[in-house]
Amino acid sequence: MKIFLTNDGAVTAIEYAIIATLIALVMVAAVQSLGSGASNFYNNITSAFP
């Protein structure tokens, strides 16, 4: 029983999983933002030509 009480490996794994999830969410938000900006940029360029 003492082994389970002193083993904090699972807690560390959960913390790393939460951090990885937050990083992934930030990356998705950044890619979506950059994708929209790039799309608008190229649409403006193509609309400038007759």
Protein backbone atom coordinates (compact mmCIF):
# COMPACT_ATOMS: atom_id res chain seq x y z
CA MET A 1 0.00 0.00 0.00
CA LYS A 2 2.87 2.38 0.71
CA ILE A 3 4.08 1.93 -2.85
CA PHE A 4 0.85 3.40 -4.22
CA LEU A 5 0.92 6.31 -1.80
CA THR A 6 4.51 7.27 -2.60
CA ASN A 7 4.33 6.68 -6.36
CA ASP A 8 3.75 10.04 -8.02
CA GLY A 9 4.49 8.92 -11.58
CA ALA A 10 0.84 8.90 -12.54
CA VAL A 11 0.37 12.45 -11.32
CA THR A 12 3.32 13.60 -13.40
CA ALA A 13 1.93 11.83 -16.46
CA ILE A 14 -1.42 13.55 -16.01
CA GLU A 15 0.29 16.93 -15.67
CA TYR A 16 2.25 16.33 -18.88
CA ALA A 17 -0.94 15.28 -20.66
CA ILE A 18 -2.69 18.48 -19.58
CA ILE A 19 0.26 20.60 -20.72
CA ALA A 20 0.40 18.79 -24.07
CA THR A 21 -3.34 19.33 -24.54
CA LEU A 22 -3.05 23.04 -23.83
CA ILE A 23 -0.14 23.38 -26.26
CA ALA A 24 -2.13 21.55 -28.93
CA LEU A 25 -5.12 23.86 -28.42
CA VAL A 26 -2.91 26.94 -28.76
CA MET A 27 -1.38 25.53 -31.93
CA VAL A 28 -4.80 24.84 -33.46
CA ALA A 29 -5.97 28.35 -32.65
CA ALA A 30 -2.81 29.84 -34.17
CA VAL A 31 -3.10 27.81 -37.37
CA GLN A 32 -6.75 28.75 -37.78
CA SER A 33 -5.94 32.41 -37.29
CA LEU A 34 -3.02 32.34 -39.70
CA GLY A 35 -5.05 30.35 -42.22
CA SER A 36 -7.84 32.91 -42.23
CA GLY A 37 -5.37 35.75 -42.59
CA ALA A 38 -3.56 34.05 -45.46
CA SER A 39 -6.84 33.29 -47.21
CA ASN A 40 -7.95 36.91 -46.95
CA PHE A 41 -4.56 38.07 -48.19
CA TYR A 42 -4.68 35.92 -51.32
CA ASN A 43 -8.32 36.77 -51.97
CA ASN A 44 -7.41 40.46 -51.90
CA ILE A 45 -4.60 39.86 -54.37
CA THR A 46 -6.81 37.91 -56.79
CA SER A 47 -9.59 40.47 -56.60
CA ALA A 48 -7.12 43.23 -57.56
CA PHE A 49 -6.63 41.66 -60.99
CA PRO A 50 -9.32 42.08 -63.62
